Amino acid sequence: MKCKAISSFVLTKLFFACGISLLSAKLVAAAVTYSVWPSSTTVVTADGSNQFGGNLSGLFYDPAAGTQPSVLWAVQNSPSKLYNMVWNGSTFVKNTANNWSSGKTLRYPNGTGAPDAEGVTKAEFSSTTIYVSTERDGSGSNRFSVLSYDSSSSATTLNATKEWNLTSNLPTVSSTNLGLEAIAWVPDSYLQANGFIDESTNQLYNPANYPLHGTGLFFVGLEANGQIYAYALNSDSTYTRIATIASGNTKIMDLSFDRDNETLWAYCDNNCSNRSTLLAIDTTVGSSTKGKFIIRKGYERPSSMSNINNEGIAIAPNSECASNLKQFFWADDSETSGHAIRRGTIPCGRLF
């Protein structure tokens, strides 16, 4: 195929055929105006002292259900571990049930390797499956994968139940430390109701086209360029890229989908002054971006939090609101002052 000047609308479909890297193609969002953090609540530490030794990266908040308490899931990239943490009344502590007291070591499906675990999420809350985004193997080579694990296992080492290796489908990066940092799951119900466009077909997204993908899409973030990529991950470990989305920042460290307010949060660490952007599908009739995720709001970090190395975020559900506020969590990769987890608040309603 002969390459020529092309519009951003078709760039995603053509960049592989033309040999163009998205790192150089630069799908850049419009300039973002960043507002002050939407809550004045002081950010405080939410873990005990020196619990992880650094490298805590991704977070996911799993609400309480029935007799099961809420869980704050976290992944650590070195050593490669998954943690199940519960609230003890003053801090989040490592769960002692089912052999979680020291976290669980993560491996690839064949039981080998040390996945560089950077992000963590769940699809359906009722499922015991946890999904982890990774950027490299312990050997140091790039391996941009999403791995699934069975969190109900009593084993202290968890072998991945599936792997979706996205390396060949994503831009080449200049460093093995600039890979797949972030992951979030977005339900099909939201995508269909808001007319999401499937960029692989240039038609409205139709879940029936991907019968093995489950009930939603996985959105992953590449640190090197700050871009977000939406994928249908099939149960046979195949996948289809559905969309490419600008996060608004030059780098991205985590993603979290607020299911109550239908908002995708994209977060950057101290490289971007700990700024957040909030995205949603554009439903405006006649808009050139109708059916695509666009940035609706930007926020500076809370004034009570220093510009630390936060690589993970998580959001509590509206069901836990108090005085119209709900908890917001950060994971500090550097474990500044001996603490890796902090919490503040955001308003319970939609913010745009």
Protein backbone atom coordinates (compact mmCIF):
# COMPACT_ATOMS: atom_id res chain seq x y z
CA MET A 1 0.00 0.00 0.00
CA LYS A 2 1.39 3.40 -0.92
CA CYS A 3 1.64 5.77 2.06
CA LYS A 4 0.57 9.39 1.81
CA ALA A 5 -0.82 12.15 4.00
CA ILE A 6 -3.77 10.73 5.90
CA SER A 7 -6.32 12.06 8.34
CA SER A 8 -6.39 11.13 12.03
CA PHE A 9 -9.72 9.39 11.33
CA VAL A 10 -8.07 6.69 9.27
CA LEU A 11 -4.61 6.80 10.84
CA THR A 12 -5.35 4.05 13.32
CA LYS A 13 -6.36 1.60 10.57
CA LEU A 14 -3.40 2.41 8.32
CA PHE A 15 -0.35 2.94 10.51
CA PHE A 16 0.71 -0.69 10.46
CA ALA A 17 0.35 -0.94 6.68
CA CYS A 18 2.41 2.24 6.24
CA GLY A 19 5.01 1.32 8.83
CA ILE A 20 4.16 4.36 10.92
CA SER A 21 4.63 4.25 14.67
CA LEU A 22 1.99 5.98 16.74
CA LEU A 23 4.85 7.35 18.79
CA SER A 24 5.78 9.50 15.81
CA ALA A 25 2.31 9.84 14.33
CA LYS A 26 1.22 11.58 17.57
CA LEU A 27 -2.53 11.30 17.85
CA VAL A 28 -2.69 14.32 20.11
CA ALA A 29 -5.75 15.53 21.99
CA ALA A 30 -6.74 19.17 22.19
CA ALA A 31 -5.10 21.14 25.01
CA VAL A 32 -6.57 20.28 28.39
CA THR A 33 -7.49 22.88 31.01
CA TYR A 34 -6.80 21.47 34.46
CA SER A 35 -9.06 22.47 37.33
CA VAL A 36 -8.39 22.20 41.05
CA TRP A 37 -9.13 18.78 42.58
CA PRO A 38 -12.92 18.49 43.03
CA SER A 39 -12.75 17.83 46.79
CA SER A 40 -11.01 19.73 49.60
CA THR A 41 -10.60 16.60 51.73
CA THR A 42 -7.02 16.18 52.89
CA VAL A 43 -5.12 13.25 51.37
CA VAL A 44 -3.90 10.85 54.08
CA THR A 45 -1.91 7.61 54.16
CA ALA A 46 -4.00 4.44 54.06
CA ASP A 47 -1.48 1.68 54.79
CA GLY A 48 0.94 0.72 57.52
CA SER A 49 4.59 1.79 57.44
CA ASN A 50 6.99 0.07 55.04
CA GLN A 51 4.59 -2.66 53.95
CA PHE A 52 5.73 -3.16 50.36
CA GLY A 53 9.28 -1.90 49.92
CA GLY A 54 8.42 0.07 46.79
CA ASN A 55 7.20 -0.81 43.29
CA LEU A 56 3.48 -0.91 44.15
CA SER A 57 1.86 0.11 40.89
CA GLY A 58 -1.78 -0.65 39.98
CA LEU A 59 -4.93 -0.55 42.15
CA PHE A 60 -8.53 -1.73 41.85
CA TYR A 61 -11.33 -1.29 44.37
CA ASP A 62 -13.64 -4.29 44.67
CA PRO A 63 -16.84 -3.32 46.57
CA ALA A 64 -18.27 -5.35 49.42
CA ALA A 65 -20.80 -8.01 48.40
CA GLY A 66 -22.93 -9.99 50.81
CA THR A 67 -20.70 -11.20 53.64
CA GLN A 68 -17.53 -10.40 51.69
CA PRO A 69 -15.79 -7.14 52.70
CA SER A 70 -14.53 -4.63 50.15
CA VAL A 71 -11.04 -5.40 48.83
CA LEU A 72 -8.34 -3.11 47.54
CA TRP A 73 -6.38 -5.11 44.99
CA ALA A 74 -2.83 -4.03 44.18
CA VAL A 75 -0.01 -5.27 41.97
CA GLN A 76 3.71 -4.91 42.46
CA ASN A 77 6.11 -5.12 39.56
CA SER A 78 9.22 -6.24 41.43
CA PRO A 79 8.77 -8.73 42.93
CA SER A 80 5.84 -9.67 40.70
CA LYS A 81 2.96 -9.92 43.19
CA LEU A 82 -0.78 -9.48 43.62
CA TYR A 83 -2.12 -8.23 46.97
CA ASN A 84 -5.57 -8.55 48.52
CA MET A 85 -6.03 -5.81 51.15
CA VAL A 86 -8.88 -5.20 53.54
CA TRP A 87 -9.79 -2.29 55.83
CA ASN A 88 -9.09 -2.82 59.54
CA GLY A 89 -10.78 0.37 60.69
CA SER A 90 -7.81 2.67 60.22
CA THR A 91 -5.68 1.35 57.34
CA PHE A 92 -5.70 -1.20 54.55
CA VAL A 93 -3.82 -4.33 55.60
CA LYS A 94 -2.86 -7.50 53.77
CA ASN A 95 -5.63 -10.07 54.03
CA THR A 96 -4.56 -13.11 56.06
CA ALA A 97 -7.20 -15.45 54.59
CA ASN A 98 -6.55 -17.94 51.79
CA ASN A 99 -2.75 -17.47 51.93
CA TRP A 100 -2.85 -13.75 51.01
CA SER A 101 -0.79 -12.55 53.97
CA SER A 102 2.37 -11.97 51.91
CA GLY A 103 0.70 -11.39 48.57
CA LYS A 104 0.83 -13.97 45.79
CA THR A 105 3.62 -14.39 43.26
CA LEU A 106 2.55 -14.02 39.62
CA ARG A 107 3.75 -16.19 36.75
CA TYR A 108 2.96 -16.61 33.06
CA PRO A 109 0.60 -19.44 32.00
CA ASN A 110 3.40 -22.01 31.84
CA GLY A 111 4.42 -21.26 35.43
CA THR A 112 7.63 -19.42 34.56
CA GLY A 113 8.81 -15.83 34.33
CA ALA A 114 8.29 -12.72 36.44
CA PRO A 115 5.68 -10.51 34.75
CA ASP A 116 6.34 -6.81 35.31
CA ALA A 117 2.87 -6.24 36.77
CA GLU A 118 1.81 -2.60 36.38
CA GLY A 119 -2.00 -2.45 36.32
CA VAL A 120 -4.89 -4.49 37.71
CA THR A 121 -8.65 -4.64 37.14
CA LYS A 122 -11.74 -6.86 37.22
CA ALA A 123 -14.57 -7.25 34.73
CA GLU A 124 -17.75 -8.40 36.48
CA PHE A 125 -17.52 -7.79 40.23
CA SER A 126 -19.02 -11.23 40.86
CA SER A 127 -16.15 -12.98 39.06
CA THR A 128 -13.01 -14.21 40.81
CA THR A 129 -10.90 -13.43 37.71
CA ILE A 130 -8.32 -10.66 38.03
CA TYR A 131 -6.64 -9.05 34.99
CA VAL A 132 -3.10 -7.67 35.13
CA SER A 133 -1.30 -5.51 32.56
CA THR A 134 2.44 -6.11 32.17
CA GLU A 135 5.20 -4.43 30.22
CA ARG A 136 8.05 -6.94 30.26
CA ASP A 137 9.25 -10.29 31.54
CA GLY A 138 11.80 -10.46 34.34
CA SER A 139 14.40 -11.09 31.64
CA GLY A 140 13.98 -7.48 30.53
CA SER A 141 12.48 -7.99 27.07
CA ASN A 142 9.29 -6.17 26.06
CA ARG A 143 6.17 -8.26 26.56
CA PHE A 144 3.06 -6.06 26.53
CA SER A 145 0.57 -8.57 27.86
CA VAL A 146 -2.71 -8.78 29.70
CA LEU A 147 -2.76 -11.79 32.03
CA SER A 148 -5.75 -13.28 33.83
CA TYR A 149 -5.57 -14.98 37.23
CA ASP A 150 -7.99 -16.90 39.43
CA SER A 151 -8.05 -14.96 42.70
CA SER A 152 -9.94 -17.76 44.50
CA SER A 153 -6.93 -20.09 44.34
CA SER A 154 -5.30 -20.92 47.68
CA ALA A 155 -1.87 -21.25 46.06
CA THR A 156 0.83 -18.76 47.02
CA THR A 157 2.03 -18.66 43.41
CA LEU A 158 -0.55 -17.96 40.70
CA ASN A 159 -0.04 -19.12 37.13
CA ALA A 160 -1.92 -17.01 34.59
CA THR A 161 -5.01 -18.73 33.23
CA LYS A 162 -4.68 -16.81 29.92
CA GLU A 163 -2.33 -14.38 28.21
CA TRP A 164 -3.10 -11.81 25.53
CA ASN A 165 0.28 -10.72 24.18
CA LEU A 166 -0.34 -7.35 22.52
CA THR A 167 3.31 -6.51 21.79
CA SER A 168 3.11 -6.83 18.01
CA ASN A 169 -0.09 -4.76 17.89
CA LEU A 170 1.30 -1.80 19.82
CA PRO A 171 3.95 0.79 18.94
CA THR A 172 7.60 -0.06 19.44
CA VAL A 173 9.03 1.78 22.44
CA SER A 174 12.57 2.93 23.16
CA SER A 175 12.81 1.38 26.62
CA THR A 176 11.56 -1.75 28.35
CA ASN A 177 10.28 0.55 31.12
CA LEU A 178 7.80 2.43 28.93
CA GLY A 179 5.29 -0.30 28.17
CA LEU A 180 1.80 -1.38 29.20
CA GLU A 181 1.16 0.50 32.46
CA ALA A 182 -2.60 0.81 32.80
CA ILE A 183 -5.74 -1.28 32.45
CA ALA A 184 -9.48 -0.81 33.01
CA TRP A 185 -12.60 -2.68 31.93
CA VAL A 186 -15.59 -0.90 30.37
CA PRO A 187 -18.93 -2.75 30.02
CA ASP A 188 -20.61 -3.27 26.66
CA SER A 189 -23.82 -1.83 28.10
CA TYR A 190 -22.23 1.63 28.38
CA LEU A 191 -20.46 1.39 25.02
CA GLN A 192 -23.60 0.41 23.12
CA ALA A 193 -25.90 2.85 24.87
CA ASN A 194 -23.63 5.73 23.89
CA GLY A 195 -22.95 4.76 20.29
CA PHE A 196 -19.29 3.80 20.60
CA ILE A 197 -17.51 3.51 17.25
CA ASP A 198 -15.52 0.38 16.44
CA GLU A 199 -12.52 1.78 14.57
CA SER A 200 -11.66 -1.65 13.17
CA THR A 201 -14.91 -1.58 11.15
CA ASN A 202 -15.80 2.15 11.16
CA GLN A 203 -19.25 1.10 12.33
CA LEU A 204 -21.11 1.21 15.62
CA TYR A 205 -19.55 -1.19 18.11
CA ASN A 206 -21.47 -4.49 18.04
CA PRO A 207 -20.49 -6.97 20.77
CA ALA A 208 -21.95 -9.80 18.68
CA ASN A 209 -18.99 -9.38 16.30
CA TYR A 210 -16.76 -10.68 19.11
CA PRO A 211 -18.63 -13.69 20.52
CA LEU A 212 -15.69 -14.82 22.67
CA HIS A 213 -14.89 -11.48 24.30
CA GLY A 214 -17.18 -11.51 27.33
CA THR A 215 -19.31 -8.53 28.31
CA GLY A 216 -16.97 -5.57 27.89
CA LEU A 217 -13.74 -4.18 26.46
CA PHE A 218 -10.37 -3.74 28.10
CA PHE A 219 -8.71 -0.34 27.88
CA VAL A 220 -4.93 -0.34 28.30
CA GLY A 221 -2.47 2.53 28.47
CA LEU A 222 1.03 2.71 26.97
CA GLU A 223 3.40 4.76 29.11
CA ALA A 224 5.65 5.78 26.23
CA ASN A 225 3.08 7.89 24.40
CA GLY A 226 0.19 8.38 26.80
CA GLN A 227 -2.24 6.66 24.43
CA ILE A 228 -5.15 4.43 25.44
CA TYR A 229 -6.07 1.35 23.38
CA ALA A 230 -9.40 -0.48 23.61
CA TYR A 231 -9.37 -4.24 22.97
CA ALA A 232 -11.82 -7.09 22.69
CA LEU A 233 -9.93 -9.89 24.47
CA ASN A 234 -11.29 -13.26 23.40
CA SER A 235 -11.40 -16.39 25.53
CA ASP A 236 -9.10 -18.16 23.05
CA SER A 237 -6.37 -15.53 23.70
CA THR A 238 -6.94 -13.76 20.38
CA TYR A 239 -7.87 -10.09 20.35
CA THR A 240 -9.06 -7.17 18.21
CA ARG A 241 -8.11 -3.55 18.71
CA ILE A 242 -11.30 -1.49 18.72
CA ALA A 243 -10.06 2.07 19.29
CA THR A 244 -7.07 4.33 19.95
CA ILE A 245 -7.67 7.24 22.33
CA ALA A 246 -5.57 10.22 23.41
CA SER A 247 -5.35 10.49 27.21
CA GLY A 248 -4.37 14.18 27.14
CA ASN A 249 -1.00 13.55 28.80
CA THR A 250 2.35 12.56 27.31
CA LYS A 251 2.49 9.53 29.61
CA ILE A 252 -0.09 7.35 31.35
CA MET A 253 0.26 5.32 34.54
CA ASP A 254 -3.23 4.03 35.32
CA LEU A 255 -6.85 3.88 34.21
CA SER A 256 -10.01 3.47 36.26
CA PHE A 257 -13.60 3.33 34.99
CA ASP A 258 -16.09 4.83 37.43
CA ARG A 259 -19.00 2.50 36.68
CA ASP A 260 -21.56 4.58 38.57
CA ASN A 261 -20.77 7.81 36.75
CA GLU A 262 -19.66 6.25 33.45
CA THR A 263 -16.34 8.08 33.43
CA LEU A 264 -12.91 6.81 32.37
CA TRP A 265 -10.15 8.31 34.52
CA ALA A 266 -6.64 8.46 33.01
CA TYR A 267 -3.81 9.23 35.41
CA CYS A 268 -0.21 10.38 35.00
CA ASP A 269 2.39 10.35 37.76
CA ASN A 270 5.00 12.94 38.76
CA ASN A 271 6.09 13.13 35.10
CA CYS A 272 2.89 15.14 34.56
CA SER A 273 2.48 16.67 38.03
CA ASN A 274 -0.01 13.91 38.98
CA ARG A 275 -2.71 15.17 36.66
CA SER A 276 -5.93 13.33 35.79
CA THR A 277 -8.09 13.49 32.70
CA LEU A 278 -11.70 12.31 32.61
CA LEU A 279 -13.03 10.79 29.39
CA ALA A 280 -16.43 9.72 28.11
CA ILE A 281 -18.03 8.90 24.76
CA ASP A 282 -19.06 11.97 22.77
CA THR A 283 -22.81 11.72 22.09
CA THR A 284 -23.22 15.18 20.53
CA VAL A 285 -25.20 15.02 17.30
CA GLY A 286 -23.13 16.34 14.40
CA SER A 287 -19.85 16.25 16.32
CA SER A 288 -16.78 15.08 14.41
CA THR A 289 -15.90 12.89 17.39
CA LYS A 290 -19.37 11.47 17.99
CA GLY A 291 -19.06 7.88 19.21
CA LYS A 292 -15.46 8.30 20.39
CA PHE A 293 -13.96 8.82 23.81
CA ILE A 294 -13.02 12.44 24.35
CA ILE A 295 -11.55 14.35 27.29
CA ARG A 296 -14.31 16.06 29.24
CA LYS A 297 -12.37 17.34 32.25
CA GLY A 298 -8.87 17.66 33.66
CA TYR A 299 -7.77 17.88 37.29
CA GLU A 300 -4.62 18.90 39.10
CA ARG A 301 -3.59 16.70 42.01
CA PRO A 302 -5.04 17.54 45.45
CA SER A 303 -3.20 20.46 47.04
CA SER A 304 -2.46 18.39 50.16
CA MET A 305 -0.51 15.76 48.18
CA SER A 306 3.06 16.26 47.01
CA ASN A 307 4.11 15.49 43.43
CA ILE A 308 5.04 11.90 44.26
CA ASN A 309 5.41 8.83 42.05
CA ASN A 310 1.76 7.71 41.99
CA GLU A 311 1.35 4.92 39.43
CA GLY A 312 -2.03 3.53 40.47
CA ILE A 313 -5.53 4.83 41.21
CA ALA A 314 -8.80 3.28 42.35
CA ILE A 315 -12.29 4.65 42.98
CA ALA A 316 -14.88 3.49 45.51
CA PRO A 317 -18.51 3.02 44.34
CA ASN A 318 -21.38 5.44 44.95
CA SER A 319 -22.87 2.88 47.33
CA GLU A 320 -20.17 3.90 49.82
CA CYS A 321 -20.83 7.64 49.55
CA ALA A 322 -20.91 9.69 52.75
CA SER A 323 -21.86 13.38 52.70
CA ASN A 324 -21.85 13.12 48.88
CA LEU A 325 -18.19 12.08 48.83
CA LYS A 326 -16.52 8.75 48.05
CA GLN A 327 -12.98 7.51 48.47
CA PHE A 328 -10.25 7.86 45.85
CA PHE A 329 -6.98 5.94 46.22
CA TRP A 330 -3.41 6.34 44.96
CA ALA A 331 -0.52 3.83 44.86
CA ASP A 332 2.94 5.39 45.24
CA ASP A 333 5.59 3.32 43.47
CA SER A 334 8.34 4.96 45.53
CA GLU A 335 6.66 4.29 48.91
CA THR A 336 7.41 7.90 49.92
CA SER A 337 7.99 8.33 53.67
CA GLY A 338 7.30 4.60 54.10
CA HIS A 339 3.75 4.66 52.68
CA ALA A 340 2.55 3.29 49.35
CA ILE A 341 -1.23 3.85 49.58
CA ARG A 342 -3.01 7.16 50.10
CA ARG A 343 -6.67 8.12 50.08
CA GLY A 344 -8.71 11.24 49.50
CA THR A 345 -12.20 11.85 48.13
CA ILE A 346 -14.13 12.93 45.07
CA PRO A 347 -17.80 13.96 44.78
CA CYS A 348 -20.26 11.15 44.15
CA GLY A 349 -21.94 12.66 41.10
CA ARG A 350 -20.69 12.99 37.55
CA LEU A 351 -18.05 15.71 37.30
CA PHE A 352 -18.88 17.16 33.87
